[in-house]
PDB file of N, CA and C in Angstrom:
ATOM      1  N   MET A   1     108.346 117.225  89.970  1.00  0.00           N
ATOM      2  CA  MET A   1     109.363 116.383  90.631  1.00  0.00           C
ATOM      3  C   MET A   1     108.818 115.034  90.887  1.00  0.00           C
ATOM      4  N   ALA A   2     109.211 113.917  90.610  1.00  0.00           N
ATOM      5  CA  ALA A   2     108.028 112.579  90.871  1.00  0.00           C
ATOM      6  C   ALA A   2     108.390 112.533  92.517  1.00  0.00           C
ATOM      7  N   VAL A   3     107.254 112.485  93.166  1.00  0.00           N
ATOM      8  CA  VAL A   3     106.957 112.043  94.256  1.00  0.00           C
ATOM      9  C   VAL A   3     106.112 111.005  94.403  1.00  0.00           C
ATOM     10  N   THR A   4     107.012 109.704  95.419  1.00  0.00           N
ATOM     11  CA  THR A   4     105.226 108.405  95.218  1.00  0.00           C
ATOM     12  C   THR A   4     105.412 108.136  97.065  1.00  0.00           C
ATOM     13  N   VAL A   5     103.919 107.600  97.114  1.00  0.00           N
ATOM     14  CA  VAL A   5     103.707 107.641  98.871  1.00  0.00           C
ATOM     15  C   VAL A   5     103.074 106.329  98.422  1.00  0.00           C
ATOM     16  N   TYR A   6     103.536 105.466  99.597  1.00  0.00           N
ATOM     17  CA  TYR A   6     103.118 104.430  99.927  1.00  0.00           C
ATOM     18  C   TYR A   6     101.879 104.508 100.649  1.00  0.00           C
ATOM     19  N   HIS A   7     101.036 104.344 100.582  1.00  0.00           N
ATOM     20  CA  HIS A   7     100.170 104.558 101.564  1.00  0.00           C
ATOM     21  C   HIS A   7      98.600 104.073 101.952  1.00  0.00           C
ATOM     22  N   ASN A   8      98.513 104.611 103.069  1.00  0.00           N
ATOM     23  CA  ASN A   8      96.986 103.321 103.717  1.00  0.00           C
ATOM     24  C   ASN A   8      96.045 104.256 103.997  1.00  0.00           C
ATOM     25  N   PRO A   9      94.381 104.694 103.009  1.00  0.00           N
ATOM     26  CA  PRO A   9      93.720 105.731 103.625  1.00  0.00           C
ATOM     27  C   PRO A   9      93.213 105.148 104.777  1.00  0.00           C
ATOM     28  N   LYS A  10      93.304 104.271 105.197  1.00  0.00           N
ATOM     29  CA  LYS A  10      92.490 104.363 106.878  1.00  0.00           C
ATOM     30  C   LYS A  10      93.748 104.808 107.463  1.00  0.00           C
ATOM     31  N   CYS A  11      94.943 105.220 107.463  1.00  0.00           N
ATOM     32  CA  CYS A  11      95.890 105.801 108.047  1.00  0.00           C
ATOM     33  C   CYS A  11      96.191 107.572 108.373  1.00  0.00           C
ATOM     34  N   SER A  12      95.929 107.654 109.550  1.00  0.00           N
ATOM     35  CA  SER A  12      95.936 108.850 109.271  1.00  0.00           C
ATOM     36  C   SER A  12      97.282 109.785 109.590  1.00  0.00           C
ATOM     37  N   THR A  13      98.223 109.041 109.682  1.00  0.00           N
ATOM     38  CA  THR A  13      99.593 109.539 109.351  1.00  0.00           C
ATOM     39  C   THR A  13      99.950 109.484 108.081  1.00  0.00           C
ATOM     40  N   SER A  14      99.334 108.269 107.702  1.00  0.00           N
ATOM     41  CA  SER A  14      99.291 108.640 106.187  1.00  0.00           C
ATOM     42  C   SER A  14      98.809 109.387 105.562  1.00  0.00           C
ATOM     43  N   THR A  15      97.679 109.742 105.584  1.00  0.00           N
ATOM     44  CA  THR A  15      96.867 110.450 104.803  1.00  0.00           C
ATOM     45  C   THR A  15      97.358 111.692 105.174  1.00  0.00           C
ATOM     46  N   LYS A  16      97.557 112.556 106.415  1.00  0.00           N
ATOM     47  CA  LYS A  16      98.523 113.367 106.696  1.00  0.00           C
ATOM     48  C   LYS A  16      99.653 113.927 105.978  1.00  0.00           C
ATOM     49  N   THR A  17      99.953 112.953 105.331  1.00  0.00           N
ATOM     50  CA  THR A  17     101.336 113.182 104.488  1.00  0.00           C
ATOM     51  C   THR A  17     101.270 113.709 103.555  1.00  0.00           C
ATOM     52  N   VAL A  18     100.329 112.604 102.444  1.00  0.00           N
ATOM     53  CA  VAL A  18     100.072 113.391 101.635  1.00  0.00           C
ATOM     54  C   VAL A  18      99.188 114.423 100.754  1.00  0.00           C
ATOM     55  N   ALA A  19      98.147 114.872 102.409  1.00  0.00           N
ATOM     56  CA  ALA A  19      97.895 116.641 102.688  1.00  0.00           C
ATOM     57  C   ALA A  19      99.322 117.518 102.502  1.00  0.00           C
ATOM     58  N   LEU A  20     100.334 116.945 103.250  1.00  0.00           N
ATOM     59  CA  LEU A  20     101.337 118.009 103.824  1.00  0.00           C
ATOM     60  C   LEU A  20     102.479 117.942 102.341  1.00  0.00           C
ATOM     61  N   LEU A  21     102.312 117.139 101.621  1.00  0.00           N
ATOM     62  CA  LEU A  21     102.884 117.313 100.406  1.00  0.00           C
ATOM     63  C   LEU A  21     102.155 118.215  99.170  1.00  0.00           C
ATOM     64  N   ARG A  22     101.206 118.066  99.013  1.00  0.00           N
ATOM     65  CA  ARG A  22      99.876 118.570  98.533  1.00  0.00           C
ATOM     66  C   ARG A  22     100.230 120.167  98.876  1.00  0.00           C
ATOM     67  N   GLU A  23      99.953 120.588  99.891  1.00  0.00           N
ATOM     68  CA  GLU A  23      99.883 121.847 101.011  1.00  0.00           C
ATOM     69  C   GLU A  23     101.471 122.513 100.414  1.00  0.00           C
ATOM     70  N   ASN A  24     102.451 121.711  99.978  1.00  0.00           N
ATOM     71  CA  ASN A  24     103.644 122.493  99.502  1.00  0.00           C
ATOM     72  C   ASN A  24     103.816 121.888  98.016  1.00  0.00           C
ATOM     73  N   GLY A  25     102.808 122.502  97.435  1.00  0.00           N
ATOM     74  CA  GLY A  25     102.892 122.072  96.012  1.00  0.00           C
ATOM     75  C   GLY A  25     103.019 121.130  95.080  1.00  0.00           C
ATOM     76  N   LEU A  26     103.393 119.677  95.828  1.00  0.00           N
ATOM     77  CA  LEU A  26     103.549 118.599  94.858  1.00  0.00           C
ATOM     78  C   LEU A  26     102.199 117.296  95.177  1.00  0.00           C
ATOM     79  N   ASN A  27     102.429 116.841  93.659  1.00  0.00           N
ATOM     80  CA  ASN A  27     101.378 116.769  93.368  1.00  0.00           C
ATOM     81  C   ASN A  27     102.054 114.636  93.587  1.00  0.00           C
ATOM     82  N   PRO A  28     101.894 114.457  94.583  1.00  0.00           N
ATOM     83  CA  PRO A  28     102.567 112.699  94.960  1.00  0.00           C
ATOM     84  C   PRO A  28     101.467 111.663  94.247  1.00  0.00           C
ATOM     85  N   THR A  29     102.357 110.656  93.378  1.00  0.00           N
ATOM     86  CA  THR A  29     101.628 109.679  93.182  1.00  0.00           C
ATOM     87  C   THR A  29     101.172 108.671  94.784  1.00  0.00           C
ATOM     88  N   VAL A  30     100.099 108.149  94.124  1.00  0.00           N
ATOM     89  CA  VAL A  30      99.537 107.391  95.674  1.00  0.00           C
ATOM     90  C   VAL A  30      99.525 106.171  95.529  1.00  0.00           C
ATOM     91  N   VAL A  31     100.134 105.299  95.879  1.00  0.00           N
ATOM     92  CA  VAL A  31      99.575 103.925  95.825  1.00  0.00           C
ATOM     93  C   VAL A  31      99.493 103.079  97.337  1.00  0.00           C
ATOM     94  N   GLU A  32      98.314 103.110  97.192  1.00  0.00           N
ATOM     95  CA  GLU A  32      97.298 102.408  98.100  1.00  0.00           C
ATOM     96  C   GLU A  32      97.988 100.685  97.853  1.00  0.00           C
ATOM     97  N   TYR A  33      99.643 100.259  99.181  1.00  0.00           N
ATOM     98  CA  TYR A  33      99.442  99.311  98.791  1.00  0.00           C
ATOM     99  C   TYR A  33      98.918  97.964  99.377  1.00  0.00           C
ATOM    100  N   LEU A  34      98.247  98.148 100.104  1.00  0.00           N
ATOM    101  CA  LEU A  34      97.125  97.073 100.665  1.00  0.00           C
ATOM    102  C   LEU A  34      96.708  96.332  99.182  1.00  0.00           C
ATOM    103  N   LYS A  35      96.474  97.205  98.447  1.00  0.00           N
ATOM    104  CA  LYS A  35      95.763  96.977  96.999  1.00  0.00           C
ATOM    105  C   LYS A  35      96.621  96.042  95.721  1.00  0.00           C
ATOM    106  N   THR A  36      97.693  97.264  95.597  1.00  0.00           N
ATOM    107  CA  THR A  36      98.770  96.580  94.975  1.00  0.00           C
ATOM    108  C   THR A  36      99.652  95.395  95.286  1.00  0.00           C
ATOM    109  N   GLY A  37      99.953  95.299  96.759  1.00  0.00           N
ATOM    110  CA  GLY A  37     100.834  94.601  96.996  1.00  0.00           C
ATOM    111  C   GLY A  37     102.047  95.259  97.084  1.00  0.00           C
ATOM    112  N   TRP A  38     103.093  94.246  97.571  1.00  0.00           N
ATOM    113  CA  TRP A  38     104.802  94.510  97.007  1.00  0.00           C
ATOM    114  C   TRP A  38     105.592  93.502  96.343  1.00  0.00           C
ATOM    115  N   THR A  39     106.722  93.902  96.086  1.00  0.00           N
ATOM    116  CA  THR A  39     107.280  92.587  94.987  1.00  0.00           C
ATOM    117  C   THR A  39     108.362  92.651  96.248  1.00  0.00           C
ATOM    118  N   ARG A  40     109.269  91.513  95.643  1.00  0.00           N
ATOM    119  CA  ARG A  40     110.216  90.868  96.695  1.00  0.00           C
ATOM    120  C   ARG A  40     111.428  92.398  96.653  1.00  0.00           C
ATOM    121  N   GLU A  41     111.256  92.670  94.936  1.00  0.00           N
ATOM    122  CA  GLU A  41     112.396  93.563  94.365  1.00  0.00           C
ATOM    123  C   GLU A  41     111.962  94.668  94.915  1.00  0.00           C
ATOM    124  N   GLN A  42     111.007  95.604  95.012  1.00  0.00           N
ATOM    125  CA  GLN A  42     110.488  96.482  95.261  1.00  0.00           C
ATOM    126  C   GLN A  42     110.438  96.822  96.510  1.00  0.00           C
ATOM    127  N   LEU A  43     110.470  96.134  97.584  1.00  0.00           N
ATOM    128  CA  LEU A  43     111.288  96.662  98.825  1.00  0.00           C
ATOM    129  C   LEU A  43     112.452  96.295  98.930  1.00  0.00           C
ATOM    130  N   LEU A  44     112.875  95.842  98.583  1.00  0.00           N
ATOM    131  CA  LEU A  44     114.563  95.527  98.287  1.00  0.00           C
ATOM    132  C   LEU A  44     115.342  96.790  98.260  1.00  0.00           C
ATOM    133  N   ASP A  45     114.379  97.694  97.116  1.00  0.00           N
ATOM    134  CA  ASP A  45     115.228  98.636  96.614  1.00  0.00           C
ATOM    135  C   ASP A  45     114.561  99.860  97.897  1.00  0.00           C
ATOM    136  N   LEU A  46     113.409  99.901  98.508  1.00  0.00           N
ATOM    137  CA  LEU A  46     113.184 100.476  99.455  1.00  0.00           C
ATOM    138  C   LEU A  46     113.407 101.324 100.226  1.00  0.00           C
ATOM    139  N   VAL A  47     114.290  99.153 100.558  1.00  0.00           N
ATOM    140  CA  VAL A  47     115.098  99.355 102.034  1.00  0.00           C
ATOM    141  C   VAL A  47     116.534 100.104 101.458  1.00  0.00           C
ATOM    142  N   LYS A  48     116.905  99.883 100.512  1.00  0.00           N
ATOM    143  CA  LYS A  48     117.994 100.171 100.413  1.00  0.00           C
ATOM    144  C   LYS A  48     118.131 101.767 100.606  1.00  0.00           C
ATOM    145  N   ARG A  49     117.252 101.991  99.614  1.00  0.00           N
ATOM    146  CA  ARG A  49     117.266 103.456  99.654  1.00  0.00           C
ATOM    147  C   ARG A  49     116.905 104.102 100.216  1.00  0.00           C
ATOM    148  N   ALA A  50     116.857 103.586 101.829  1.00  0.00           N
ATOM    149  CA  ALA A  50     115.913 104.331 102.773  1.00  0.00           C
ATOM    150  C   ALA A  50     116.901 104.378 103.577  1.00  0.00           C
ATOM    151  N   ASP A  51     118.082 103.792 103.602  1.00  0.00           N
ATOM    152  CA  ASP A  51     119.334 103.512 104.522  1.00  0.00           C
ATOM    153  C   ASP A  51     118.682 102.782 105.777  1.00  0.00           C
ATOM    154  N   THR A  52     118.066 101.910 105.851  1.00  0.00           N
ATOM    155  CA  THR A  52     117.574 101.363 106.804  1.00  0.00           C
ATOM    156  C   THR A  52     117.862  99.836 106.481  1.00  0.00           C
ATOM    157  N   ASP A  53     116.841  98.571 107.540  1.00  0.00           N
ATOM    158  CA  ASP A  53     116.767  97.469 107.090  1.00  0.00           C
ATOM    159  C   ASP A  53     115.181  96.891 106.816  1.00  0.00           C
ATOM    160  N   LEU A  54     114.524  95.833 106.758  1.00  0.00           N
ATOM    161  CA  LEU A  54     113.443  95.098 106.701  1.00  0.00           C
ATOM    162  C   LEU A  54     112.785  95.438 107.788  1.00  0.00           C
ATOM    163  N   LYS A  55     113.575  95.105 109.084  1.00  0.00           N
ATOM    164  CA  LYS A  55     113.207  95.832 109.918  1.00  0.00           C
ATOM    165  C   LYS A  55     112.382  97.243 110.594  1.00  0.00           C
ATOM    166  N   GLY A  56     113.249  97.696 110.158  1.00  0.00           N
ATOM    167  CA  GLY A  56     113.487  99.278 110.379  1.00  0.00           C
ATOM    168  C   GLY A  56     111.270  99.445 109.624  1.00  0.00           C
ATOM    169  N   LEU A  57     111.383  99.083 109.044  1.00  0.00           N
ATOM    170  CA  LEU A  57     109.977  98.816 108.140  1.00  0.00           C
ATOM    171  C   LEU A  57     108.902  97.795 108.483  1.00  0.00           C
ATOM    172  N   LEU A  58     109.260  97.542 109.246  1.00  0.00           N
ATOM    173  CA  LEU A  58     108.229  96.596 109.709  1.00  0.00           C
ATOM    174  C   LEU A  58     107.014  96.822 111.138  1.00  0.00           C
ATOM    175  N   ARG A  59     105.933  96.675 110.365  1.00  0.00           N
ATOM    176  CA  ARG A  59     105.111  97.441 111.159  1.00  0.00           C
ATOM    177  C   ARG A  59     104.224  96.392 112.190  1.00  0.00           C
ATOM    178  N   GLU A  60     104.557  96.632 113.540  1.00  0.00           N
ATOM    179  CA  GLU A  60     103.839  95.135 114.539  1.00  0.00           C
ATOM    180  C   GLU A  60     102.299  95.764 115.309  1.00  0.00           C
ATOM    181  N   ARG A  61     101.961  96.811 115.323  1.00  0.00           N
ATOM    182  CA  ARG A  61     100.752  97.361 115.937  1.00  0.00           C
ATOM    183  C   ARG A  61      99.574  97.103 114.758  1.00  0.00           C
ATOM    184  N   GLY A  62      98.344  96.176 114.926  1.00  0.00           N
ATOM    185  CA  GLY A  62      97.596  96.400 114.160  1.00  0.00           C
ATOM    186  C   GLY A  62      97.888  95.036 112.789  1.00  0.00           C
ATOM    187  N   THR A  63      98.699  94.251 113.322  1.00  0.00           N
ATOM    188  CA  THR A  63      99.905  93.319 112.093  1.00  0.00           C
ATOM    189  C   THR A  63      99.374  92.277 112.508  1.00  0.00           C
ATOM    190  N   PRO A  64      99.644  90.974 111.571  1.00  0.00           N
ATOM    191  CA  PRO A  64     100.353  89.416 112.214  1.00  0.00           C
ATOM    192  C   PRO A  64     101.765  89.265 112.653  1.00  0.00           C
ATOM    193  N   ALA A  65     102.290  90.032 112.810  1.00  0.00           N
ATOM    194  CA  ALA A  65     103.905  89.989 112.950  1.00  0.00           C
ATOM    195  C   ALA A  65     104.180  88.714 113.749  1.00  0.00           C
ATOM    196  N   GLU A  66     103.452  89.323 115.480  1.00  0.00           N
ATOM    197  CA  GLU A  66     103.660  88.566 116.345  1.00  0.00           C
ATOM    198  C   GLU A  66     103.309  87.070 116.009  1.00  0.00           C
ATOM    199  N   GLU A  67     102.158  86.987 115.810  1.00  0.00           N
ATOM    200  CA  GLU A  67     101.874  85.562 115.477  1.00  0.00           C
ATOM    201  C   GLU A  67     102.338  84.855 114.335  1.00  0.00           C
ATOM    202  N   LEU A  68     103.146  85.443 113.398  1.00  0.00           N
ATOM    203  CA  LEU A  68     103.576  85.168 112.628  1.00  0.00           C
ATOM    204  C   LEU A  68     105.239  84.832 112.752  1.00  0.00           C
ATOM    205  N   GLY A  69     105.630  85.488 114.269  1.00  0.00           N
ATOM    206  CA  GLY A  69     106.849  85.060 114.548  1.00  0.00           C
ATOM    207  C   GLY A  69     108.407  86.367 114.268  1.00  0.00           C
ATOM    208  N   LEU A  70     107.663  86.741 113.744  1.00  0.00           N
ATOM    209  CA  LEU A  70     108.501  88.169 113.142  1.00  0.00           C
ATOM    210  C   LEU A  70     109.198  89.301 114.200  1.00  0.00           C
ATOM    211  N   LEU A  71     108.771  89.066 115.461  1.00  0.00           N
ATOM    212  CA  LEU A  71     109.018  90.182 116.780  1.00  0.00           C
ATOM    213  C   LEU A  71     110.230  88.810 117.049  1.00  0.00           C
ATOM    214  N   LYS A  72     110.276  88.142 117.154  1.00  0.00           N
ATOM    215  CA  LYS A  72     111.713  87.028 117.843  1.00  0.00           C
ATOM    216  C   LYS A  72     113.111  87.834 117.260  1.00  0.00           C
ATOM    217  N   PRO A  73     113.558  87.957 118.588  1.00  0.00           N
ATOM    218  CA  PRO A  73     115.254  88.375 118.020  1.00  0.00           C
ATOM    219  C   PRO A  73     116.029  87.450 117.095  1.00  0.00           C
ATOM    220  N   GLY A  74     116.519  87.249 115.903  1.00  0.00           N
ATOM    221  CA  GLY A  74     116.889  86.641 114.726  1.00  0.00           C
ATOM    222  C   GLY A  74     116.598  86.145 113.971  1.00  0.00           C
ATOM    223  N   VAL A  75     115.508  86.691 113.664  1.00  0.00           N
ATOM    224  CA  VAL A  75     114.911  86.746 112.204  1.00  0.00           C
ATOM    225  C   VAL A  75     114.948  87.003 111.467  1.00  0.00           C
ATOM    226  N   ALA A  76     115.208  86.176 110.246  1.00  0.00           N
ATOM    227  CA  ALA A  76     116.007  86.036 108.938  1.00  0.00           C
ATOM    228  C   ALA A  76     115.349  87.134 108.164  1.00  0.00           C
ATOM    229  N   ASP A  77     116.155  87.858 106.943  1.00  0.00           N
ATOM    230  CA  ASP A  77     116.152  89.069 106.672  1.00  0.00           C
ATOM    231  C   ASP A  77     115.136  88.256 105.027  1.00  0.00           C
ATOM    232  N   GLU A  78     114.801  87.150 104.733  1.00  0.00           N
ATOM    233  CA  GLU A  78     114.367  86.084 104.343  1.00  0.00           C
ATOM    234  C   GLU A  78     113.022  85.997 104.261  1.00  0.00           C
ATOM    235  N   ALA A  79     112.905  85.558 105.791  1.00  0.00           N
ATOM    236  CA  ALA A  79     111.589  85.344 106.499  1.00  0.00           C
ATOM    237  C   ALA A  79     110.608  87.052 106.926  1.00  0.00           C
ATOM    238  N   LEU A  80     111.412  87.665 107.353  1.00  0.00           N
ATOM    239  CA  LEU A  80     110.731  89.382 107.149  1.00  0.00           C
ATOM    240  C   LEU A  80     110.115  89.826 105.254  1.00  0.00           C
ATOM    241  N   LEU A  81     111.345  89.353 104.988  1.00  0.00           N
ATOM    242  CA  LEU A  81     110.303  89.498 103.070  1.00  0.00           C
ATOM    243  C   LEU A  81     109.328  88.585 102.454  1.00  0.00           C
ATOM    244  N   ALA A  82     109.552  87.578 102.829  1.00  0.00           N
ATOM    245  CA  ALA A  82     108.669  86.605 102.551  1.00  0.00           C
ATOM    246  C   ALA A  82     107.076  87.052 103.137  1.00  0.00           C
ATOM    247  N   ALA A  83     107.288  87.444 104.189  1.00  0.00           N
ATOM    248  CA  ALA A  83     105.829  87.904 105.193  1.00  0.00           C
ATOM    249  C   ALA A  83     105.261  88.864 104.650  1.00  0.00           C
ATOM    250  N   MET A  84     106.365  90.177 104.278  1.00  0.00           N
ATOM    251  CA  MET A  84     105.974  91.841 103.755  1.00  0.00           C
ATOM    252  C   MET A  84     105.030  91.068 102.732  1.00  0.00           C
ATOM    253  N   VAL A  85     105.700  90.736 101.584  1.00  0.00           N
ATOM    254  CA  VAL A  85     104.874  89.831 100.319  1.00  0.00           C
ATOM    255  C   VAL A  85     103.506  89.601 100.540  1.00  0.00           C
ATOM    256  N   GLU A  86     103.683  88.470 101.407  1.00  0.00           N
ATOM    257  CA  GLU A  86     102.639  88.023 101.627  1.00  0.00           C
ATOM    258  C   GLU A  86     101.772  88.708 102.179  1.00  0.00           C
ATOM    259  N   HIS A  87     101.706  89.835 103.041  1.00  0.00           N
ATOM    260  CA  HIS A  87     101.225  90.531 104.158  1.00  0.00           C
ATOM    261  C   HIS A  87     101.581  92.045 103.824  1.00  0.00           C
ATOM    262  N   PRO A  88     100.926  92.487 103.023  1.00  0.00           N
ATOM    263  CA  PRO A  88     101.083  93.783 102.864  1.00  0.00           C
ATOM    264  C   PRO A  88     101.390  94.618 104.098  1.00  0.00           C
ATOM    265  N   ILE A  89      99.991  94.629 104.800  1.00  0.00           N
ATOM    266  CA  ILE A  89     100.047  95.492 106.142  1.00  0.00           C
ATOM    267  C   ILE A  89     101.249  95.278 107.228  1.00  0.00           C
ATOM    268  N   LEU A  90     101.892  94.658 106.827  1.00  0.00           N
ATOM    269  CA  LEU A  90     103.040  94.195 107.877  1.00  0.00           C
ATOM    270  C   LEU A  90     104.386  95.692 107.450  1.00  0.00           C
ATOM    271  N   VAL A  91     104.323  96.242 106.145  1.00  0.00           N
ATOM    272  CA  VAL A  91     105.146  96.795 105.738  1.00  0.00           C
ATOM    273  C   VAL A  91     104.441  98.857 106.632  1.00  0.00           C
ATOM    274  N   ASN A  92     105.267  98.766 107.087  1.00  0.00           N
ATOM    275  CA  ASN A  92     104.947 100.228 107.707  1.00  0.00           C
ATOM    276  C   ASN A  92     104.571 102.002 107.313  1.00  0.00           C
ATOM    277  N   ARG A  93     104.190 102.691 107.341  1.00  0.00           N
ATOM    278  CA  ARG A  93     103.168 103.332 106.275  1.00  0.00           C
ATOM    279  C   ARG A  93     103.592 104.574 107.074  1.00  0.00           C
ATOM    280  N   PRO A  94     103.412 105.960 106.070  1.00  0.00           N
ATOM    281  CA  PRO A  94     103.828 105.982 104.862  1.00  0.00           C
ATOM    282  C   PRO A  94     105.265 106.246 104.671  1.00  0.00           C
ATOM    283  N   ILE A  95     105.443 105.792 103.635  1.00  0.00           N
ATOM    284  CA  ILE A  95     107.206 105.753 102.468  1.00  0.00           C
ATOM    285  C   ILE A  95     106.774 106.354 101.282  1.00  0.00           C
ATOM    286  N   VAL A  96     107.888 107.741 101.872  1.00  0.00           N
ATOM    287  CA  VAL A  96     107.882 108.256 100.644  1.00  0.00           C
ATOM    288  C   VAL A  96     109.172 108.194  99.863  1.00  0.00           C
ATOM    289  N   ASP A  97     108.772 108.134  98.611  1.00  0.00           N
ATOM    290  CA  ASP A  97     109.751 107.945  97.524  1.00  0.00           C
ATOM    291  C   ASP A  97     110.073 109.236  96.732  1.00  0.00           C
ATOM    292  N   GLY A  98     111.389 109.926  97.247  1.00  0.00           N
ATOM    293  CA  GLY A  98     111.810 111.680  96.025  1.00  0.00           C
ATOM    294  C   GLY A  98     112.697 111.443  95.235  1.00  0.00           C
ATOM    295  N   PRO A  99     112.932 112.454  94.608  1.00  0.00           N
ATOM    296  CA  PRO A  99     114.145 112.545  94.085  1.00  0.00           C
ATOM    297  C   PRO A  99     115.551 112.689  95.713  1.00  0.00           C
ATOM    298  N   LYS A 100     115.279 112.939  96.333  1.00  0.00           N
ATOM    299  CA  LYS A 100     116.374 112.701  97.283  1.00  0.00           C
ATOM    300  C   LYS A 100     116.309 111.351  98.371  1.00  0.00           C
ATOM    301  N   GLY A 101     115.541 110.537  97.997  1.00  0.00           N
ATOM    302  CA  GLY A 101     115.957 109.552  98.400  1.00  0.00           C
ATOM    303  C   GLY A 101     114.219 108.511  98.967  1.00  0.00           C
ATOM    304  N   VAL A 102     114.249 107.523 100.369  1.00  0.00           N
ATOM    305  CA  VAL A 102     113.223 107.478 100.671  1.00  0.00           C
ATOM    306  C   VAL A 102     113.166 107.401 102.195  1.00  0.00           C
ATOM    307  N   VAL A 103     112.022 107.638 102.730  1.00  0.00           N
ATOM    308  CA  VAL A 103     111.855 107.473 104.102  1.00  0.00           C
ATOM    309  C   VAL A 103     110.548 107.182 104.493  1.00  0.00           C
ATOM    310  N   LEU A 104     110.706 106.394 105.980  1.00  0.00           N
ATOM    311  CA  LEU A 104     109.198 106.540 106.640  1.00  0.00           C
ATOM    312  C   LEU A 104     108.930 107.848 107.701  1.00  0.00           C
ATOM    313  N   ALA A 105     107.939 108.044 106.567  1.00  0.00           N
ATOM    314  CA  ALA A 105     107.593 109.280 107.170  1.00  0.00           C
ATOM    315  C   ALA A 105     106.649 109.397 108.244  1.00  0.00           C
ATOM    316  N   ARG A 106     107.305 109.203 109.239  1.00  0.00           N
ATOM    317  CA  ARG A 106     106.818 109.004 110.763  1.00  0.00           C
ATOM    318  C   ARG A 106     107.770 109.934 111.471  1.00  0.00           C
ATOM    319  N   PRO A 107     108.040 110.912 111.727  1.00  0.00           N
ATOM    320  CA  PRO A 107     106.870 112.367 111.635  1.00  0.00           C
ATOM    321  C   PRO A 107     106.425 112.599 110.003  1.00  0.00           C
ATOM    322  N   ILE A 108     105.673 113.316 109.973  1.00  0.00           N
ATOM    323  CA  ILE A 108     104.836 113.172 108.428  1.00  0.00           C
ATOM    324  C   ILE A 108     106.098 114.278 108.500  1.00  0.00           C
ATOM    325  N   GLU A 109     106.510 115.105 108.813  1.00  0.00           N
ATOM    326  CA  GLU A 109     107.242 116.041 108.668  1.00  0.00           C
ATOM    327  C   GLU A 109     109.043 115.792 107.502  1.00  0.00           C
ATOM    328  N   LYS A 110     109.086 114.401 108.148  1.00  0.00           N
ATOM    329  CA  LYS A 110     109.996 113.572 107.241  1.00  0.00           C
ATOM    330  C   LYS A 110     110.257 113.228 105.817  1.00  0.00           C
ATOM    331  N   ALA A 111     108.898 113.812 105.433  1.00  0.00           N
ATOM    332  CA  ALA A 111     108.728 113.696 104.099  1.00  0.00           C
ATOM    333  C   ALA A 111     108.689 114.850 103.044  1.00  0.00           C
ATOM    334  N   LEU A 112     108.937 115.576 103.603  1.00  0.00           N
ATOM    335  CA  LEU A 112     109.763 117.226 103.315  1.00  0.00           C
ATOM    336  C   LEU A 112     111.245 117.140 102.985  1.00  0.00           C
ATOM    337  N   THR A 113     112.157 115.726 103.465  1.00  0.00           N
ATOM    338  CA  THR A 113     113.948 115.763 103.318  1.00  0.00           C
ATOM    339  C   THR A 113     113.944 114.688 102.229  1.00  0.00           C
ATOM    340  N   VAL A 114     112.985 114.345 101.190  1.00  0.00           N
ATOM    341  CA  VAL A 114     113.473 113.460 100.487  1.00  0.00           C
ATOM    342  C   VAL A 114     112.900 114.233  98.814  1.00  0.00           C
ATOM    343  N   VAL A 115     112.050 115.461  99.392  1.00  0.00           N
ATOM    344  CA  VAL A 115     111.779 116.475  98.041  1.00  0.00           C
ATOM    345  C   VAL A 115     112.364 117.407  97.482  1.00  0.00           C
TER     346      VAL A 115
END
């Protein structure tokens, strides 16, 4: 079964999610998105399949979200999307893409709902 984790190795939640999947007999593909970056299409696909919106994947803490004005009410999706592509750190983690869908694995146990 194909499972992909969009992962930041400096994030303990992300690291614990990868470990949880492995403990459950899975061998996820691990994508270090801070190195690979995001494409518009990729983010839009993940958002759609996660049944959320871009704001739902926006990470605030430890990112330039506030400085970029992304936390203000009424920020357009296009502005969020462009910022997330330019600054991959703005995307919250870990995102798990499995056969049953896509989920932001916070708490980590959510990862098991899509495998």
